[in-house]
Amino acid sequence: MPEESSNPKDDFLNPISKYYGKFTPGNLAFNSNLQEFVNQVSYICALETNGKIAPNEAYERIKKLWKKLKNSKTELLDKINNPPTTDQ
C-alpha cells in the first residue's frame, strides 16, 4: 500500500504514479528514479522558460541529472539483468 504523504503540497508538486511493469526491486527503484528525473527536468524547463535561469545552466543541470539516471540504470538494471560472465 502506498505511503500517505503528510503534506498534500508534496503530492501535488511531486506526483508518483503506480508501477505496472514487471516487478523486481531494481525495476521499481529505477521507475522511481525515472519519475524523479522527469519531475526535476520539468521544473528546470519551467525555470528556463520564465527566465529564472540561463539556457546553459538549464542544460548543465539536465545533463547532470541525465548522468545520474544513467548510472542508476547501470546499477539497478544492467548489472542485475546481465551479470558478468567468467570464461575460463
Foldseek 3Di string as FASTA:
>chain_A
DDDDDPDVVCCVLQPDDDDDDDDDVLVVVLSSLVSVLVSVLVVLVVCCVVPNDPPVVSVVVNVVSVVVSVVSCCVRPVCVPPPDDDDD
